[in-house]
C-alpha atoms as a PDB file:
ATOM      1  CA  MET A   1      83.187 -13.250 -56.211  1.00  0.00           C
ATOM      2  CA  ILE A   2      85.515 -15.299 -57.731  1.00  0.00           C
ATOM      3  CA  VAL A   3      84.619 -17.349 -61.167  1.00  0.00           C
ATOM      4  CA  VAL A   4      86.745 -19.873 -62.193  1.00  0.00           C
ATOM      5  CA  ASN A   5      86.442 -22.691 -64.358  1.00  0.00           C
ATOM      6  CA  THR A   6      89.147 -25.001 -62.156  1.00  0.00           C
ATOM      7  CA  GLU A   7      88.083 -27.248 -59.330  1.00  0.00           C
ATOM      8  CA  THR A   8      90.348 -24.658 -57.052  1.00  0.00           C
ATOM      9  CA  ILE A   9      91.386 -21.134 -56.598  1.00  0.00           C
ATOM     10  CA  PRO A  10      95.090 -20.937 -56.490  1.00  0.00           C
ATOM     11  CA  GLY A  11      96.136 -19.247 -53.355  1.00  0.00           C
ATOM     12  CA  HIS A  12      92.936 -19.915 -51.576  1.00  0.00           C
ATOM     13  CA  VAL A  13      91.622 -22.919 -49.051  1.00  0.00           C
ATOM     14  CA  ILE A  14      87.622 -23.836 -50.001  1.00  0.00           C
ATOM     15  CA  LYS A  15      86.346 -24.295 -46.423  1.00  0.00           C
ATOM     16  CA  GLU A  16      82.619 -25.219 -47.666  1.00  0.00           C
ATOM     17  CA  VAL A  17      80.886 -26.414 -50.495  1.00  0.00           C
ATOM     18  CA  ARG A  18      77.613 -24.549 -50.850  1.00  0.00           C
ATOM     19  CA  GLY A  19      76.078 -26.879 -53.408  1.00  0.00           C
ATOM     20  CA  LEU A  20      75.191 -26.839 -57.433  1.00  0.00           C
ATOM     21  CA  VAL A  21      74.147 -23.563 -58.787  1.00  0.00           C
ATOM     22  CA  GLN A  22      73.316 -22.552 -62.007  1.00  0.00           C
ATOM     23  CA  GLY A  23      71.574 -19.891 -64.677  1.00  0.00           C
ATOM     24  CA  ASN A  24      70.007 -20.077 -67.624  1.00  0.00           C
ATOM     25  CA  THR A  25      68.604 -18.290 -71.060  1.00  0.00           C
ATOM     26  CA  VAL A  26      66.575 -19.357 -73.947  1.00  0.00           C
ATOM     27  CA  ARG A  27      66.801 -17.213 -76.977  1.00  0.00           C
ATOM     28  CA  ALA A  28      65.459 -16.890 -80.178  1.00  0.00           C
ATOM     29  CA  LYS A  29      66.639 -15.976 -83.640  1.00  0.00           C
ATOM     30  CA  HIS A  30      65.675 -12.502 -84.830  1.00  0.00           C
ATOM     31  CA  ALA A  31      64.439 -12.496 -88.551  1.00  0.00           C
ATOM     32  CA  GLY A  32      66.939  -9.641 -89.605  1.00  0.00           C
ATOM     33  CA  ARG A  33      69.859 -11.821 -88.604  1.00  0.00           C
ATOM     34  CA  ASP A  34      68.846 -14.852 -89.946  1.00  0.00           C
ATOM     35  CA  ILE A  35      69.022 -12.918 -93.638  1.00  0.00           C
ATOM     36  CA  ALA A  36      72.039 -11.542 -92.813  1.00  0.00           C
ATOM     37  CA  ALA A  37      73.601 -15.118 -91.829  1.00  0.00           C
ATOM     38  CA  SER A  38      71.929 -16.401 -95.130  1.00  0.00           C
ATOM     39  CA  PHE A  39      74.136 -13.642 -96.957  1.00  0.00           C
ATOM     40  CA  LYS A  40      76.886 -14.641 -94.692  1.00  0.00           C
ATOM     41  CA  ASN A  41      76.743 -18.279 -95.465  1.00  0.00           C
ATOM     42  CA  LEU A  42      77.195 -17.570 -99.426  1.00  0.00           C
ATOM     43  CA  VAL A  43      80.301 -15.363 -98.799  1.00  0.00           C
ATOM     44  CA  GLY A  44      81.872 -16.895 -95.567  1.00  0.00           C
ATOM     45  CA  GLY A  45      83.315 -14.475 -92.700  1.00  0.00           C
ATOM     46  CA  GLU A  46      81.633 -14.096 -88.589  1.00  0.00           C
ATOM     47  CA  ILE A  47      77.876 -13.831 -88.270  1.00  0.00           C
ATOM     48  CA  LYS A  48      78.197 -10.579 -85.996  1.00  0.00           C
ATOM     49  CA  GLY A  49      74.608 -10.633 -85.017  1.00  0.00           C
ATOM     50  CA  TYR A  50      74.591 -14.611 -83.824  1.00  0.00           C
ATOM     51  CA  THR A  51      77.712 -13.808 -81.990  1.00  0.00           C
ATOM     52  CA  GLU A  52      76.701 -10.545 -80.229  1.00  0.00           C
ATOM     53  CA  LEU A  53      73.270 -12.695 -79.013  1.00  0.00           C
ATOM     54  CA  LEU A  54      75.590 -15.514 -77.540  1.00  0.00           C
ATOM     55  CA  THR A  55      77.892 -13.140 -75.836  1.00  0.00           C
ATOM     56  CA  GLU A  56      74.401 -11.485 -73.970  1.00  0.00           C
ATOM     57  CA  ALA A  57      72.971 -15.333 -73.467  1.00  0.00           C
ATOM     58  CA  ARG A  58      76.684 -16.018 -72.216  1.00  0.00           C
ATOM     59  CA  ARG A  59      76.503 -13.163 -69.919  1.00  0.00           C
ATOM     60  CA  GLN A  60      72.659 -13.121 -68.741  1.00  0.00           C
ATOM     61  CA  ALA A  61      73.307 -17.093 -67.720  1.00  0.00           C
ATOM     62  CA  LEU A  62      76.332 -16.459 -65.533  1.00  0.00           C
ATOM     63  CA  GLU A  63      74.039 -12.948 -63.836  1.00  0.00           C
ATOM     64  CA  ARG A  64      71.555 -15.779 -63.329  1.00  0.00           C
ATOM     65  CA  MET A  65      74.549 -18.172 -62.178  1.00  0.00           C
ATOM     66  CA  LEU A  66      75.992 -15.879 -59.666  1.00  0.00           C
ATOM     67  CA  ALA A  67      72.634 -14.154 -58.086  1.00  0.00           C
ATOM     68  CA  GLN A  68      72.022 -18.320 -56.883  1.00  0.00           C
ATOM     69  CA  ALA A  69      75.774 -18.309 -55.632  1.00  0.00           C
ATOM     70  CA  GLN A  70      75.314 -15.384 -53.751  1.00  0.00           C
ATOM     71  CA  GLN A  71      71.781 -16.383 -52.458  1.00  0.00           C
ATOM     72  CA  LEU A  72      73.783 -19.401 -51.296  1.00  0.00           C
ATOM     73  CA  GLY A  73      76.344 -17.267 -49.032  1.00  0.00           C
ATOM     74  CA  ALA A  74      78.961 -18.221 -51.265  1.00  0.00           C
ATOM     75  CA  ASN A  75      81.744 -15.995 -52.084  1.00  0.00           C
ATOM     76  CA  ALA A  76      83.468 -17.883 -55.446  1.00  0.00           C
ATOM     77  CA  VAL A  77      82.009 -20.315 -57.745  1.00  0.00           C
ATOM     78  CA  VAL A  78      84.401 -23.355 -58.992  1.00  0.00           C
ATOM     79  CA  ASN A  79      84.095 -25.263 -61.766  1.00  0.00           C
ATOM     80  CA  VAL A  80      82.353 -23.532 -63.771  1.00  0.00           C
ATOM     81  CA  ARG A  81      81.016 -24.782 -67.366  1.00  0.00           C
ATOM     82  CA  PHE A  82      78.283 -23.633 -70.456  1.00  0.00           C
ATOM     83  CA  THR A  83      76.673 -25.434 -72.541  1.00  0.00           C
ATOM     84  CA  THR A  84      73.733 -24.511 -75.468  1.00  0.00           C
ATOM     85  CA  GLY A  85      70.644 -27.043 -76.616  1.00  0.00           C
ATOM     86  CA  ALA A  86      68.095 -26.665 -79.034  1.00  0.00           C
ATOM     87  CA  ILE A  87      64.720 -25.874 -77.338  1.00  0.00           C
ATOM     88  CA  THR A  88      62.976 -25.739 -80.663  1.00  0.00           C
ATOM     89  CA  THR A  89      63.275 -24.144 -84.329  1.00  0.00           C
ATOM     90  CA  GLY A  90      65.481 -20.903 -84.201  1.00  0.00           C
ATOM     91  CA  ALA A  91      65.308 -21.155 -80.049  1.00  0.00           C
ATOM     92  CA  ALA A  92      68.241 -22.562 -77.989  1.00  0.00           C
ATOM     93  CA  GLU A  93      69.494 -22.171 -74.199  1.00  0.00           C
ATOM     94  CA  LEU A  94      72.587 -21.162 -72.791  1.00  0.00           C
ATOM     95  CA  TYR A  95      73.093 -23.100 -69.308  1.00  0.00           C
ATOM     96  CA  ALA A  96      76.155 -21.866 -66.912  1.00  0.00           C
ATOM     97  CA  TYR A  97      76.767 -23.924 -63.993  1.00  0.00           C
ATOM     98  CA  GLY A  98      79.157 -24.542 -61.322  1.00  0.00           C
ATOM     99  CA  THR A  99      80.065 -25.316 -57.751  1.00  0.00           C
ATOM    100  CA  ALA A 100      79.465 -22.155 -54.820  1.00  0.00           C
ATOM    101  CA  VAL A 101      81.702 -22.905 -52.393  1.00  0.00           C
ATOM    102  CA  VAL A 102      83.389 -20.359 -49.395  1.00  0.00           C
ATOM    103  CA  ILE A 103      86.904 -19.559 -50.213  1.00  0.00           C
ATOM    104  CA  GLU A 104      89.598 -18.131 -47.501  1.00  0.00           C
END
């Protein structure tokens, strides 16, 4: 399945739009990661625990979005976007969405 963040796919023609597809996941912070983050705030640098957490969340949201596209019979998803939002203290949602299409 082709997945792009553009409205078109060079070299392909969109034959049919199957509709909006989406996938999300809500993740909570881990106490150990919070402690490491506190130390990093003092000295600076990347907080690898959070980087890994967000990478996993993006992957899962994307997989769920693609599963929905396959159920609709699409072979590509265009105009893919990611967004995040706070759900509660210590938990955030990562949301992926796009338009499922059939391409030639």
